[in-house]
Protein backbone atom coordinates (compact mmCIF):
# COMPACT_ATOMS: atom_id res chain seq x y z
CA MET A 1 2.83 -9.04 12.09
CA PRO A 2 1.43 -8.36 8.61
CA THR A 3 2.61 -10.57 5.79
CA PRO A 4 5.03 -8.84 3.40
CA THR A 5 3.76 -8.76 -0.19
CA ASP A 6 5.21 -7.86 -3.57
CA VAL A 7 3.82 -4.34 -3.20
CA LEU A 8 4.74 -3.68 0.43
CA SER A 9 7.35 -4.57 3.02
CA TYR A 10 6.87 -4.43 6.79
CA GLU A 11 9.61 -4.59 9.39
CA VAL A 12 9.81 -3.74 13.10
CA ARG A 13 13.08 -2.46 14.56
CA ASP A 14 13.63 -0.56 17.81
CA ARG A 15 9.89 -0.10 18.46
CA LYS A 16 9.41 1.39 14.99
CA ALA A 17 7.36 -0.24 12.24
CA TYR A 18 8.85 0.48 8.81
CA ILE A 19 6.27 0.16 6.04
CA THR A 20 7.61 0.57 2.50
CA MET A 21 5.36 0.83 -0.54
CA ASN A 22 7.08 -1.17 -3.28
CA ARG A 23 5.68 -0.18 -6.68
CA PRO A 24 8.52 2.02 -7.95
CA GLU A 25 7.67 1.33 -11.61
CA ARG A 26 4.31 3.10 -10.96
CA MET A 27 5.81 5.68 -8.54
CA ASN A 28 4.09 3.81 -5.69
CA ALA A 29 0.64 4.69 -7.01
CA LEU A 30 -2.11 3.36 -4.75
CA ASN A 31 -4.05 0.51 -6.32
CA ARG A 32 -6.44 -1.92 -4.63
CA GLU A 33 -3.69 -4.40 -3.78
CA LEU A 34 -1.43 -1.78 -2.20
CA MET A 35 -4.31 -0.17 -0.30
CA GLY A 36 -5.28 -3.56 1.14
CA ALA A 37 -1.68 -4.27 2.13
CA LEU A 38 -1.36 -0.83 3.76
CA THR A 39 -4.57 -1.39 5.72
CA GLU A 40 -3.28 -4.74 6.98
CA ALA A 41 0.12 -3.26 7.86
CA PHE A 42 -1.32 -0.33 9.82
CA ARG A 43 -3.73 -2.63 11.66
CA GLY A 44 -0.83 -4.93 12.50
CA ALA A 45 1.26 -2.05 13.80
CA ASP A 46 -1.67 -0.77 15.85
CA ALA A 47 -2.17 -4.21 17.44
CA ASP A 48 1.54 -4.64 18.25
CA GLU A 49 2.23 -3.24 21.72
CA ASN A 50 5.95 -3.12 20.87
CA VAL A 51 5.39 -0.58 18.07
CA PHE A 52 5.40 3.07 19.13
CA VAL A 53 5.98 4.70 15.74
CA VAL A 54 5.12 3.89 12.12
CA ILE A 55 7.37 5.16 9.35
CA LEU A 56 5.84 5.01 5.86
CA THR A 57 8.19 5.24 2.89
CA GLY A 58 8.07 4.68 -0.86
CA ALA A 59 10.60 2.58 -2.78
CA GLY A 60 12.38 3.80 -5.88
CA GLY A 61 13.44 7.34 -5.06
CA ARG A 62 11.41 9.01 -7.85
CA ALA A 63 8.35 9.69 -5.71
CA PHE A 64 6.95 8.90 -2.29
CA SER A 65 3.62 8.13 -3.96
CA ALA A 66 1.90 9.41 -7.08
CA GLY A 67 -1.47 9.08 -5.34
CA ALA A 68 -4.28 7.00 -6.81
CA ASP A 69 -3.40 4.58 -9.61
CA LEU A 70 -5.39 6.25 -12.37
CA LYS A 71 -4.61 3.47 -14.85
CA GLU A 72 -6.43 0.99 -12.60
CA ALA A 73 -9.24 3.45 -11.84
CA PHE A 74 -9.94 4.18 -15.49
CA ALA A 75 -9.76 0.49 -16.37
CA GLU A 76 -12.55 -0.12 -13.86
CA LYS A 77 -14.66 2.64 -15.43
CA ARG A 78 -14.23 1.17 -18.93
CA LYS A 79 -15.78 -2.15 -17.94
CA PRO A 80 -19.22 -2.45 -19.49
CA GLU A 81 -22.12 -2.08 -17.11
CA TRP A 82 -24.69 -4.81 -17.44
CA LYS A 83 -28.22 -3.52 -17.08
CA MET A 84 -31.29 -5.66 -16.65
CA ARG A 85 -34.22 -4.74 -18.83
C-alpha cells in the first residue's frame, strides 16, 4: 500500500482504492510532489489484487484539480541557466 503523504491520502475499502489529492489551498494543482505521490498510489492500487476500482477525488470542494501548478512551473523557468563557454 502506498504511503500517505501531506499532499495525498490513500485508503482501500470494499475493493475500492480511494485516492484523494490534498492541496485544497492550491485547488489540488499538480506539482512534482503530488504527481510522484499519484504515480506511487496508482502503482500500488495496480499491484493490489484486492483493488478492483480506483476512485480519484480532490479535497477542498472548490475544484477537483486546477491542472498543472503554474506557480511551480514558472519558478522552474526563472532559474538561471548556467552555460559553459
